[in-house]
Amino acid sequence: MQRVLAGLFCLLLALPSAIQAKGFVFTDSTGKKLTLSDYKGKWVLINFWATWCPPCLKEIPDLVSLYESRKDVMVIGVAMDYQNPKTVLKFADSLSISYPIVFGDRKIAAQIGPVSMLPTTYLFDPAGQPAAYHVGLISRESLEEFMRENPVNPQNRPGGASQRKPK
């Protein structure tokens, strides 16, 4: 399990250069504006995926489960490389995706960081700071373990920035 977690977030050390922005402005498929500051106090997971991507489809049930069972987690799915938005929405409906879906492109992705392969996931901590970045399949179990092992206490650092618990 530790090997999976280590592999899952092996890019954690590259975060300062990997995550280019500390915020985003997305418009979801219903027309609602989504910003990082809207979710202060929650973990925010941004998952870049595509309907044709087998690993993306494999991780979606875990992301739905995480989103529906934890009030301290916001999941936003960014659909990439699609032909027709209606096809994406039908696909999302068939997978019972309950979290917001954003129709993505290079400009949308550039607000967060590089998306060289799908799936790619970025995680922001409850203080709104970049916490993790992963290319490839993720699981609810590994995400929850990471969040458990990296609690955020904004009171411990000047300016309210997040602080990681020493391992």
N, C-alpha and C. Protein backbone atom coordinates (compact mmCIF):
# COMPACT_ATOMS: atom_id res chain seq x y z
N MET A 1 0.81 -1.19 0.00
CA MET A 1 0.00 0.00 0.00
C MET A 1 0.86 1.26 0.00
N GLN A 2 1.93 1.25 0.79
CA GLN A 2 2.81 2.41 0.82
C GLN A 2 3.44 2.64 -0.54
N ARG A 3 3.73 1.55 -1.26
CA ARG A 3 4.32 1.67 -2.58
C ARG A 3 3.35 2.33 -3.54
N VAL A 4 2.07 1.95 -3.43
CA VAL A 4 1.04 2.55 -4.27
C VAL A 4 0.91 4.03 -3.96
N LEU A 5 0.87 4.36 -2.68
CA LEU A 5 0.74 5.77 -2.28
C LEU A 5 1.96 6.56 -2.72
N ALA A 6 3.14 5.98 -2.54
CA ALA A 6 4.36 6.67 -2.96
C ALA A 6 4.35 6.89 -4.47
N GLY A 7 3.95 5.89 -5.21
CA GLY A 7 3.87 6.03 -6.66
C GLY A 7 2.80 7.01 -7.08
N LEU A 8 1.68 6.98 -6.37
CA LEU A 8 0.57 7.85 -6.70
C LEU A 8 0.95 9.31 -6.61
N PHE A 9 1.68 9.67 -5.58
CA PHE A 9 2.02 11.06 -5.39
C PHE A 9 3.52 11.31 -5.49
N CYS A 10 4.18 10.53 -6.36
CA CYS A 10 5.62 10.69 -6.52
C CYS A 10 5.98 12.06 -7.07
N LEU A 11 5.05 12.69 -7.72
CA LEU A 11 5.32 14.00 -8.28
C LEU A 11 5.08 15.12 -7.29
N LEU A 12 4.77 14.79 -6.05
CA LEU A 12 4.52 15.79 -5.02
C LEU A 12 5.68 16.77 -4.90
N LEU A 13 6.89 16.28 -5.02
CA LEU A 13 8.06 17.15 -4.90
C LEU A 13 8.15 18.14 -6.05
N ALA A 14 7.53 17.82 -7.17
CA ALA A 14 7.59 18.71 -8.33
C ALA A 14 6.46 19.73 -8.33
N LEU A 15 5.68 19.76 -7.28
CA LEU A 15 4.51 20.64 -7.25
C LEU A 15 4.79 22.11 -7.52
N PRO A 16 5.78 22.72 -6.89
CA PRO A 16 5.96 24.16 -7.12
C PRO A 16 6.07 24.51 -8.60
N SER A 17 6.77 23.68 -9.39
CA SER A 17 6.89 23.98 -10.81
C SER A 17 5.76 23.37 -11.61
N ALA A 18 5.15 22.30 -11.12
CA ALA A 18 4.12 21.62 -11.89
C ALA A 18 2.79 22.36 -11.88
N ILE A 19 2.38 22.87 -10.74
CA ILE A 19 1.11 23.58 -10.69
C ILE A 19 1.39 25.05 -10.92
N GLN A 20 0.92 25.52 -12.04
CA GLN A 20 1.24 26.87 -12.46
C GLN A 20 0.35 27.90 -11.78
N ALA A 21 -0.87 27.53 -11.45
CA ALA A 21 -1.81 28.51 -10.92
C ALA A 21 -2.31 28.08 -9.56
N LYS A 22 -2.61 29.05 -8.72
CA LYS A 22 -3.18 28.73 -7.41
C LYS A 22 -4.69 28.89 -7.45
N GLY A 23 -5.22 29.00 -8.63
CA GLY A 23 -6.65 29.16 -8.75
C GLY A 23 -7.09 28.85 -10.16
N PHE A 24 -8.39 28.87 -10.34
CA PHE A 24 -8.95 28.60 -11.65
C PHE A 24 -10.33 29.23 -11.72
N VAL A 25 -10.79 29.43 -12.92
CA VAL A 25 -12.17 29.82 -13.17
C VAL A 25 -12.66 28.91 -14.28
N PHE A 26 -13.53 28.00 -13.92
CA PHE A 26 -14.13 27.07 -14.87
C PHE A 26 -15.62 27.37 -14.95
N THR A 27 -16.22 27.00 -16.06
CA THR A 27 -17.67 27.02 -16.18
C THR A 27 -18.09 25.58 -16.42
N ASP A 28 -18.95 25.05 -15.54
CA ASP A 28 -19.33 23.65 -15.70
C ASP A 28 -20.42 23.49 -16.77
N SER A 29 -20.83 22.26 -16.98
CA SER A 29 -21.77 21.94 -18.05
C SER A 29 -23.16 22.55 -17.82
N THR A 30 -23.43 23.02 -16.60
CA THR A 30 -24.73 23.66 -16.33
C THR A 30 -24.63 25.18 -16.42
N GLY A 31 -23.43 25.69 -16.69
CA GLY A 31 -23.23 27.13 -16.78
C GLY A 31 -22.77 27.78 -15.49
N LYS A 32 -22.58 26.99 -14.44
CA LYS A 32 -22.14 27.53 -13.15
C LYS A 32 -20.64 27.79 -13.16
N LYS A 33 -20.23 28.96 -12.64
CA LYS A 33 -18.81 29.29 -12.50
C LYS A 33 -18.25 28.57 -11.27
N LEU A 34 -17.09 27.98 -11.43
CA LEU A 34 -16.40 27.28 -10.34
C LEU A 34 -15.03 27.91 -10.17
N THR A 35 -14.70 28.31 -8.93
CA THR A 35 -13.37 28.84 -8.64
C THR A 35 -12.82 28.12 -7.41
N LEU A 36 -11.52 28.09 -7.30
CA LEU A 36 -10.88 27.44 -6.16
C LEU A 36 -11.34 28.06 -4.84
N SER A 37 -11.47 29.38 -4.83
CA SER A 37 -11.86 30.06 -3.59
C SER A 37 -13.29 29.69 -3.15
N ASP A 38 -14.11 29.21 -4.07
CA ASP A 38 -15.47 28.77 -3.71
C ASP A 38 -15.44 27.59 -2.74
N TYR A 39 -14.34 26.87 -2.72
CA TYR A 39 -14.28 25.62 -1.96
C TYR A 39 -13.28 25.69 -0.81
N LYS A 40 -13.01 26.89 -0.33
CA LYS A 40 -12.10 27.06 0.82
C LYS A 40 -12.60 26.16 1.96
N GLY A 41 -11.70 25.44 2.58
CA GLY A 41 -12.06 24.53 3.66
C GLY A 41 -12.30 23.11 3.19
N LYS A 42 -12.22 22.87 1.88
CA LYS A 42 -12.41 21.53 1.32
C LYS A 42 -11.18 21.15 0.50
N TRP A 43 -10.94 19.85 0.42
CA TRP A 43 -9.99 19.33 -0.55
C TRP A 43 -10.65 19.49 -1.91
N VAL A 44 -9.90 19.94 -2.90
CA VAL A 44 -10.44 20.11 -4.25
C VAL A 44 -9.61 19.24 -5.20
N LEU A 45 -10.29 18.30 -5.83
CA LEU A 45 -9.65 17.39 -6.75
C LEU A 45 -10.10 17.74 -8.17
N ILE A 46 -9.14 18.03 -9.04
CA ILE A 46 -9.42 18.32 -10.45
C ILE A 46 -8.92 17.13 -11.24
N ASN A 47 -9.84 16.44 -11.92
CA ASN A 47 -9.50 15.23 -12.65
C ASN A 47 -9.73 15.45 -14.15
N PHE A 48 -8.64 15.39 -14.93
CA PHE A 48 -8.72 15.51 -16.38
C PHE A 48 -8.90 14.10 -16.96
N TRP A 49 -9.93 13.92 -17.77
CA TRP A 49 -10.28 12.60 -18.27
C TRP A 49 -10.85 12.69 -19.69
N ALA A 50 -11.11 11.53 -20.30
CA ALA A 50 -11.75 11.48 -21.61
C ALA A 50 -12.61 10.21 -21.68
N THR A 51 -13.63 10.27 -22.51
CA THR A 51 -14.56 9.14 -22.63
C THR A 51 -13.88 7.91 -23.24
N TRP A 52 -12.82 8.09 -24.01
CA TRP A 52 -12.14 6.99 -24.69
C TRP A 52 -11.00 6.39 -23.86
N CYS A 53 -10.77 6.90 -22.65
CA CYS A 53 -9.61 6.55 -21.84
C CYS A 53 -9.96 5.47 -20.80
N PRO A 54 -9.53 4.20 -20.99
CA PRO A 54 -9.87 3.13 -20.04
C PRO A 54 -9.48 3.41 -18.59
N PRO A 55 -8.25 3.91 -18.29
CA PRO A 55 -7.94 4.19 -16.88
C PRO A 55 -8.84 5.29 -16.29
N CYS A 56 -9.22 6.25 -17.13
CA CYS A 56 -10.12 7.32 -16.66
C CYS A 56 -11.45 6.70 -16.22
N LEU A 57 -11.96 5.82 -17.05
CA LEU A 57 -13.26 5.21 -16.76
C LEU A 57 -13.20 4.31 -15.54
N LYS A 58 -12.04 3.68 -15.34
CA LYS A 58 -11.87 2.80 -14.18
C LYS A 58 -11.88 3.58 -12.87
N GLU A 59 -11.32 4.81 -12.87
CA GLU A 59 -11.24 5.57 -11.62
C GLU A 59 -12.51 6.37 -11.32
N ILE A 60 -13.37 6.59 -12.29
CA ILE A 60 -14.57 7.41 -12.08
C ILE A 60 -15.45 6.91 -10.93
N PRO A 61 -15.74 5.61 -10.82
CA PRO A 61 -16.58 5.18 -9.68
C PRO A 61 -15.98 5.56 -8.31
N ASP A 62 -14.65 5.48 -8.18
CA ASP A 62 -14.00 5.90 -6.92
C ASP A 62 -14.16 7.40 -6.69
N LEU A 63 -14.06 8.18 -7.76
CA LEU A 63 -14.21 9.64 -7.62
C LEU A 63 -15.65 10.00 -7.25
N VAL A 64 -16.61 9.31 -7.85
CA VAL A 64 -18.03 9.54 -7.51
C VAL A 64 -18.26 9.18 -6.05
N SER A 65 -17.75 8.05 -5.62
CA SER A 65 -17.90 7.60 -4.24
C SER A 65 -17.28 8.59 -3.26
N LEU A 66 -16.09 9.06 -3.57
CA LEU A 66 -15.40 10.04 -2.73
C LEU A 66 -16.23 11.32 -2.63
N TYR A 67 -16.69 11.82 -3.76
CA TYR A 67 -17.47 13.05 -3.81
C TYR A 67 -18.78 12.94 -3.04
N GLU A 68 -19.45 11.81 -3.19
CA GLU A 68 -20.77 11.65 -2.56
C GLU A 68 -20.69 11.35 -1.06
N SER A 69 -19.57 10.82 -0.60
CA SER A 69 -19.51 10.40 0.80
C SER A 69 -18.77 11.37 1.72
N ARG A 70 -18.04 12.32 1.15
CA ARG A 70 -17.25 13.23 1.99
C ARG A 70 -17.62 14.68 1.72
N LYS A 71 -18.09 15.34 2.74
CA LYS A 71 -18.47 16.75 2.61
C LYS A 71 -17.25 17.66 2.53
N ASP A 72 -16.06 17.14 2.88
CA ASP A 72 -14.85 17.94 2.85
C ASP A 72 -14.06 17.79 1.55
N VAL A 73 -14.67 17.19 0.53
CA VAL A 73 -14.00 16.97 -0.75
C VAL A 73 -14.89 17.46 -1.89
N MET A 74 -14.30 18.25 -2.79
CA MET A 74 -14.98 18.66 -4.02
C MET A 74 -14.23 18.03 -5.18
N VAL A 75 -14.95 17.39 -6.06
CA VAL A 75 -14.37 16.79 -7.25
C VAL A 75 -14.90 17.55 -8.46
N ILE A 76 -14.01 17.89 -9.36
CA ILE A 76 -14.41 18.51 -10.62
C ILE A 76 -13.78 17.70 -11.74
N GLY A 77 -14.62 17.17 -12.63
CA GLY A 77 -14.12 16.40 -13.76
C GLY A 77 -13.99 17.30 -14.97
N VAL A 78 -12.83 17.29 -15.60
CA VAL A 78 -12.59 18.09 -16.80
C VAL A 78 -12.46 17.14 -17.99
N ALA A 79 -13.50 17.11 -18.81
CA ALA A 79 -13.51 16.24 -19.99
C ALA A 79 -12.64 16.86 -21.08
N MET A 80 -11.68 16.09 -21.54
CA MET A 80 -10.74 16.55 -22.56
C MET A 80 -10.94 15.73 -23.83
N ASP A 81 -10.46 16.27 -24.92
CA ASP A 81 -10.39 15.54 -26.19
C ASP A 81 -11.73 14.91 -26.57
N TYR A 82 -12.73 15.73 -26.74
CA TYR A 82 -14.06 15.26 -27.09
C TYR A 82 -14.52 15.94 -28.38
N GLN A 83 -15.47 15.31 -29.07
CA GLN A 83 -16.02 15.86 -30.31
C GLN A 83 -17.31 16.63 -30.03
N ASN A 84 -18.15 16.06 -29.16
CA ASN A 84 -19.48 16.61 -28.95
C ASN A 84 -19.80 16.67 -27.46
N PRO A 85 -20.08 17.86 -26.92
CA PRO A 85 -20.40 17.97 -25.49
C PRO A 85 -21.60 17.10 -25.06
N LYS A 86 -22.57 16.93 -25.94
CA LYS A 86 -23.73 16.09 -25.60
C LYS A 86 -23.32 14.64 -25.37
N THR A 87 -22.36 14.18 -26.14
CA THR A 87 -21.85 12.81 -25.97
C THR A 87 -21.19 12.67 -24.60
N VAL A 88 -20.42 13.67 -24.20
CA VAL A 88 -19.76 13.66 -22.89
C VAL A 88 -20.81 13.60 -21.78
N LEU A 89 -21.85 14.43 -21.90
CA LEU A 89 -22.89 14.46 -20.86
C LEU A 89 -23.65 13.15 -20.79
N LYS A 90 -23.95 12.54 -21.93
CA LYS A 90 -24.62 11.23 -21.93
C LYS A 90 -23.73 10.19 -21.27
N PHE A 91 -22.45 10.26 -21.58
CA PHE A 91 -21.48 9.34 -21.02
C PHE A 91 -21.39 9.52 -19.51
N ALA A 92 -21.31 10.78 -19.07
CA ALA A 92 -21.25 11.08 -17.63
C ALA A 92 -22.50 10.58 -16.93
N ASP A 93 -23.64 10.76 -17.57
CA ASP A 93 -24.90 10.29 -16.99
C ASP A 93 -24.91 8.76 -16.89
N SER A 94 -24.39 8.08 -17.90
CA SER A 94 -24.38 6.61 -17.88
C SER A 94 -23.46 6.07 -16.78
N LEU A 95 -22.46 6.87 -16.38
CA LEU A 95 -21.55 6.47 -15.30
C LEU A 95 -21.99 7.02 -13.95
N SER A 96 -23.14 7.68 -13.91
CA SER A 96 -23.69 8.28 -12.68
C SER A 96 -22.73 9.27 -12.05
N ILE A 97 -22.06 10.06 -12.89
CA ILE A 97 -21.15 11.09 -12.38
C ILE A 97 -22.00 12.21 -11.79
N SER A 98 -21.85 12.43 -10.51
CA SER A 98 -22.65 13.43 -9.80
C SER A 98 -21.89 14.73 -9.56
N TYR A 99 -20.58 14.72 -9.73
CA TYR A 99 -19.79 15.94 -9.53
C TYR A 99 -19.83 16.78 -10.81
N PRO A 100 -19.47 18.06 -10.71
CA PRO A 100 -19.51 18.93 -11.88
C PRO A 100 -18.55 18.48 -12.99
N ILE A 101 -19.02 18.65 -14.22
CA ILE A 101 -18.22 18.34 -15.40
C ILE A 101 -17.93 19.65 -16.13
N VAL A 102 -16.68 19.84 -16.48
CA VAL A 102 -16.23 21.00 -17.24
C VAL A 102 -15.75 20.48 -18.59
N PHE A 103 -16.09 21.19 -19.67
CA PHE A 103 -15.58 20.84 -20.99
C PHE A 103 -14.22 21.51 -21.15
N GLY A 104 -13.18 20.69 -21.20
CA GLY A 104 -11.82 21.20 -21.16
C GLY A 104 -11.17 21.35 -22.51
N ASP A 105 -10.12 22.15 -22.50
CA ASP A 105 -9.24 22.34 -23.64
C ASP A 105 -7.89 22.79 -23.09
N ARG A 106 -6.97 23.12 -23.95
CA ARG A 106 -5.63 23.52 -23.49
C ARG A 106 -5.67 24.76 -22.60
N LYS A 107 -6.56 25.69 -22.92
CA LYS A 107 -6.67 26.92 -22.13
C LYS A 107 -7.17 26.62 -20.71
N ILE A 108 -8.14 25.75 -20.61
CA ILE A 108 -8.67 25.34 -19.29
C ILE A 108 -7.57 24.65 -18.50
N ALA A 109 -6.89 23.68 -19.14
CA ALA A 109 -5.84 22.93 -18.45
C ALA A 109 -4.70 23.84 -18.01
N ALA A 110 -4.38 24.85 -18.80
CA ALA A 110 -3.27 25.74 -18.48
C ALA A 110 -3.49 26.50 -17.18
N GLN A 111 -4.74 26.62 -16.73
CA GLN A 111 -5.02 27.28 -15.45
C GLN A 111 -4.51 26.46 -14.28
N ILE A 112 -4.37 25.16 -14.48
CA ILE A 112 -3.98 24.26 -13.41
C ILE A 112 -2.53 23.82 -13.55
N GLY A 113 -2.18 23.26 -14.70
CA GLY A 113 -0.83 22.77 -14.92
C GLY A 113 -0.79 21.83 -16.10
N PRO A 114 0.34 21.16 -16.30
CA PRO A 114 0.47 20.30 -17.46
C PRO A 114 -0.48 19.10 -17.42
N VAL A 115 -1.01 18.78 -18.57
CA VAL A 115 -1.82 17.58 -18.74
C VAL A 115 -1.25 16.86 -19.97
N SER A 116 -0.22 16.05 -19.72
CA SER A 116 0.48 15.38 -20.81
C SER A 116 -0.18 14.06 -21.20
N MET A 117 -0.89 13.46 -20.23
CA MET A 117 -1.58 12.19 -20.47
C MET A 117 -2.87 12.20 -19.66
N LEU A 118 -3.75 11.29 -20.01
CA LEU A 118 -5.00 11.14 -19.26
C LEU A 118 -5.03 9.76 -18.63
N PRO A 119 -5.57 9.66 -17.43
CA PRO A 119 -6.05 10.74 -16.59
C PRO A 119 -4.89 11.48 -15.91
N THR A 120 -5.13 12.73 -15.59
CA THR A 120 -4.23 13.54 -14.78
C THR A 120 -5.06 14.18 -13.69
N THR A 121 -4.56 14.11 -12.46
CA THR A 121 -5.31 14.63 -11.31
C THR A 121 -4.46 15.60 -10.51
N TYR A 122 -5.07 16.71 -10.14
CA TYR A 122 -4.46 17.71 -9.26
C TYR A 122 -5.31 17.77 -7.99
N LEU A 123 -4.65 17.89 -6.86
CA LEU A 123 -5.34 17.99 -5.58
C LEU A 123 -4.88 19.24 -4.86
N PHE A 124 -5.85 20.05 -4.45
CA PHE A 124 -5.58 21.25 -3.65
C PHE A 124 -6.07 20.99 -2.23
N ASP A 125 -5.32 21.45 -1.24
CA ASP A 125 -5.70 21.22 0.15
C ASP A 125 -6.80 22.21 0.57
N PRO A 126 -7.37 22.02 1.76
CA PRO A 126 -8.46 22.90 2.21
C PRO A 126 -8.07 24.38 2.35
N ALA A 127 -6.78 24.67 2.40
CA ALA A 127 -6.34 26.06 2.45
C ALA A 127 -6.18 26.64 1.04
N GLY A 128 -6.47 25.82 0.02
CA GLY A 128 -6.37 26.27 -1.36
C GLY A 128 -4.98 26.17 -1.95
N GLN A 129 -4.09 25.45 -1.29
CA GLN A 129 -2.71 25.30 -1.76
C GLN A 129 -2.56 23.99 -2.54
N PRO A 130 -1.69 23.98 -3.57
CA PRO A 130 -1.43 22.74 -4.29
C PRO A 130 -0.92 21.67 -3.32
N ALA A 131 -1.50 20.48 -3.39
CA ALA A 131 -1.11 19.40 -2.48
C ALA A 131 -0.51 18.21 -3.20
N ALA A 132 -1.03 17.86 -4.37
CA ALA A 132 -0.53 16.68 -5.08
C ALA A 132 -0.91 16.77 -6.55
N TYR A 133 -0.16 16.03 -7.36
CA TYR A 133 -0.34 15.97 -8.80
C TYR A 133 0.00 14.56 -9.22
N HIS A 134 -0.87 13.95 -10.03
CA HIS A 134 -0.60 12.58 -10.43
C HIS A 134 -1.07 12.33 -11.86
N VAL A 135 -0.25 11.67 -12.64
CA VAL A 135 -0.60 11.24 -13.98
C VAL A 135 -0.86 9.74 -13.90
N GLY A 136 -2.04 9.32 -14.31
CA GLY A 136 -2.39 7.90 -14.29
C GLY A 136 -3.54 7.62 -13.35
N LEU A 137 -3.86 6.36 -13.25
CA LEU A 137 -4.99 5.87 -12.46
C LEU A 137 -4.81 6.17 -10.97
N ILE A 138 -5.87 6.65 -10.33
CA ILE A 138 -5.86 6.87 -8.88
C ILE A 138 -7.03 6.10 -8.27
N SER A 139 -6.99 5.95 -6.95
CA SER A 139 -8.09 5.26 -6.26
C SER A 139 -8.56 6.10 -5.09
N ARG A 140 -9.78 5.86 -4.69
CA ARG A 140 -10.32 6.55 -3.52
C ARG A 140 -9.46 6.25 -2.30
N GLU A 141 -9.07 5.00 -2.14
CA GLU A 141 -8.28 4.59 -0.98
C GLU A 141 -6.97 5.38 -0.89
N SER A 142 -6.26 5.51 -2.02
CA SER A 142 -4.99 6.23 -1.99
C SER A 142 -5.19 7.72 -1.75
N LEU A 143 -6.26 8.28 -2.30
CA LEU A 143 -6.56 9.69 -2.06
C LEU A 143 -6.87 9.95 -0.59
N GLU A 144 -7.71 9.10 -0.01
CA GLU A 144 -8.08 9.27 1.40
C GLU A 144 -6.86 9.08 2.30
N GLU A 145 -6.00 8.14 1.96
CA GLU A 145 -4.80 7.94 2.76
C GLU A 145 -3.90 9.18 2.69
N PHE A 146 -3.76 9.74 1.50
CA PHE A 146 -2.96 10.96 1.35
C PHE A 146 -3.56 12.10 2.19
N MET A 147 -4.86 12.29 2.12
CA MET A 147 -5.51 13.37 2.87
C MET A 147 -5.36 13.15 4.38
N ARG A 148 -5.46 11.90 4.81
CA ARG A 148 -5.30 11.57 6.23
C ARG A 148 -3.87 11.85 6.71
N GLU A 149 -2.90 11.53 5.88
CA GLU A 149 -1.50 11.69 6.26
C GLU A 149 -0.99 13.12 6.07
N ASN A 150 -1.77 13.97 5.45
CA ASN A 150 -1.36 15.34 5.17
C ASN A 150 -2.43 16.33 5.62
N PRO A 151 -2.76 16.32 6.90
CA PRO A 151 -3.80 17.23 7.37
C PRO A 151 -3.34 18.68 7.25
N VAL A 152 -4.30 19.55 7.13
CA VAL A 152 -4.01 20.97 6.98
C VAL A 152 -4.53 21.70 8.19
N ASN A 153 -3.66 22.52 8.78
CA ASN A 153 -4.07 23.37 9.88
C ASN A 153 -3.60 24.77 9.56
N PRO A 154 -4.48 25.59 8.96
CA PRO A 154 -4.07 26.93 8.53
C PRO A 154 -3.61 27.83 9.67
N GLN A 155 -3.92 27.51 10.90
CA GLN A 155 -3.55 28.35 12.04
C GLN A 155 -2.07 28.23 12.38
N ASN A 156 -1.41 27.19 11.91
CA ASN A 156 -0.03 26.94 12.30
C ASN A 156 1.01 27.72 11.51
N ARG A 157 0.60 28.38 10.46
CA ARG A 157 1.57 29.07 9.62
C ARG A 157 1.12 30.51 9.39
N PRO A 158 2.07 31.44 9.43
CA PRO A 158 1.70 32.83 9.20
C PRO A 158 1.03 33.01 7.84
N GLY A 159 0.04 33.87 7.81
CA GLY A 159 -0.65 34.14 6.57
C GLY A 159 -1.69 33.10 6.22
N GLY A 160 -1.90 32.11 7.10
CA GLY A 160 -2.93 31.11 6.88
C GLY A 160 -2.57 30.04 5.88
N ALA A 161 -1.31 29.94 5.48
CA ALA A 161 -0.92 28.91 4.51
C ALA A 161 -0.96 27.54 5.16
N SER A 162 -1.05 26.52 4.33
CA SER A 162 -1.17 25.17 4.88
C SER A 162 0.16 24.69 5.44
N GLN A 163 0.07 23.77 6.36
CA GLN A 163 1.26 23.16 6.94
C GLN A 163 1.04 21.67 6.95
N ARG A 164 2.05 20.93 6.52
CA ARG A 164 1.98 19.47 6.48
C ARG A 164 2.46 18.88 7.78
N LYS A 165 1.80 17.85 8.21
CA LYS A 165 2.20 17.11 9.39
C LYS A 165 3.47 16.33 9.08
N PRO A 166 4.50 16.43 9.91
CA PRO A 166 5.73 15.68 9.64
C PRO A 166 5.46 14.18 9.67
N LYS A 167 6.20 13.45 8.85
CA LYS A 167 6.02 11.99 8.81
C LYS A 167 6.96 11.30 9.74
